[in-house]
Each structure stands twice: as C-alpha cells, then as structure tokens.
Protein backbone atom coordinates (compact mmCIF):
# COMPACT_ATOMS: atom_id res chain seq x y z
CA MET A 1 20.85 -7.66 72.65
CA LEU A 2 17.26 -6.46 72.44
CA GLU A 3 16.01 -10.01 72.86
CA LEU A 4 17.92 -10.28 76.15
CA TRP A 5 17.01 -6.81 77.38
CA LEU A 6 13.34 -6.68 76.41
CA PRO A 7 11.96 -9.09 79.09
CA HIS A 8 13.66 -7.07 81.83
CA TYR A 9 12.34 -3.82 80.39
CA GLU A 10 8.80 -5.20 80.23
CA ALA A 11 9.01 -6.52 83.79
CA GLU A 12 9.89 -3.01 84.97
CA HIS A 13 7.68 -0.87 82.70
CA GLY A 14 4.89 -3.16 81.47
CA ARG A 15 4.32 -5.17 78.32
CA LEU A 16 4.86 -3.47 74.95
CA PRO A 17 2.19 -3.62 72.24
CA ALA A 18 2.63 -6.43 69.70
CA ILE A 19 3.33 -4.01 66.83
CA VAL A 20 6.18 -2.38 68.78
CA ARG A 21 7.67 -5.77 69.68
CA LYS A 22 7.46 -6.78 65.99
CA LYS A 23 9.20 -3.60 64.81
CA LEU A 24 11.92 -3.98 67.45
CA GLY A 25 12.55 -7.54 66.32
CA ALA A 26 12.78 -6.50 62.68
CA SER A 27 15.16 -3.57 63.17
CA SER A 28 18.88 -4.01 62.56
CA ALA A 29 21.65 -2.88 64.87
CA ALA A 30 22.65 -0.08 62.48
CA GLN A 31 19.05 1.14 62.26
CA THR A 32 18.77 1.20 66.06
CA ASP A 33 22.07 3.11 66.33
CA ARG A 34 20.82 5.74 63.87
CA LEU A 35 17.59 6.17 65.82
CA LEU A 36 19.42 6.49 69.15
CA ALA A 37 22.27 8.73 67.89
CA SER A 38 20.77 11.94 69.27
CA CYS A 39 20.18 10.34 72.69
CA LYS A 40 23.70 8.90 72.80
CA ALA A 41 25.22 12.28 71.89
CA GLN A 42 23.97 13.74 75.19
CA TYR A 43 26.00 11.28 77.24
CA LYS A 44 29.13 11.08 75.10
CA HIS A 45 31.47 13.38 76.98
CA ARG A 46 34.64 11.43 77.80
CA GLY A 47 34.24 8.00 76.33
CA ARG A 48 33.85 5.01 78.59
CA SER A 49 36.01 6.17 81.48
CA GLY A 50 36.74 9.49 83.12
CA THR A 51 39.85 8.39 84.99
CA LYS A 52 43.38 9.27 84.00
CA PRO A 53 45.80 6.38 83.58
CA GLY A 54 48.09 5.85 86.54
CA SER A 55 46.82 8.65 88.75
CA LEU A 56 45.08 6.31 91.19
CA LEU A 57 47.88 3.80 91.60
CA LYS A 58 50.93 6.03 91.37
CA HIS A 59 51.28 6.54 95.13
CA HIS A 60 50.41 2.97 96.09
CA LEU A 61 53.10 1.14 94.10
CA PRO A 62 56.56 1.30 95.65
CA ILE A 63 59.40 1.78 93.20
CA ARG A 64 62.87 0.80 94.35
CA THR A 65 65.61 3.01 92.99
CA ASP A 66 68.47 2.20 95.36
CA ASN A 67 69.40 -1.43 94.52
CA TRP A 68 68.45 -3.16 91.32
CA ASN A 69 69.04 -6.92 91.47
CA LEU A 70 69.91 -7.76 87.87
CA THR A 71 70.17 -11.52 88.53
CA LYS A 72 66.39 -11.99 88.94
CA PRO A 73 64.17 -12.56 85.89
CA GLY A 74 62.41 -9.41 84.74
CA MET A 75 65.23 -7.02 85.65
CA VAL A 76 66.87 -5.17 82.79
CA GLY A 77 70.34 -3.68 83.01
CA SER A 78 71.76 -0.86 80.97
C-alpha cells in the first residue's frame, strides 16, 4: 500500500529524501505495524464503526403483525 500512497503523500507534503524512500520500500508490513502501534492506539476506541446495529433503521422499516400471508415465498409459519 505504501507504493500507492507515497506519490499522493509527496504531492501534498513534498518529496522524501532518497534514503527514507529506500527504507520505506524495504520495510515489511509487520515492521510498519510495530512502528505505528503507538500512533494507532490513540485512535482505537470503538473499532471501525461507532454505530449500534439496527438503531438507525428500526423506525424506518414497517413490520406487519396483523396478517401474515404464508403462501408467498419467504414467509414462515409456526
């Protein structure tokens, strides 16, 4: 991913020295993760999402409870 990200970074912040580019190219993903672990720990509070499942859609999806048509596919009878 560094190879894809680096040109965009350099366009925004300026070209990196050759030695830094060489070291970035030689580092493995695991090595990079170890180096960035302390930075990542600052932002790791709730995982990838802070939303609760179903809370946003619960009131927008109508649920029929009066008449269940058990002849249509997808309906399950007891």
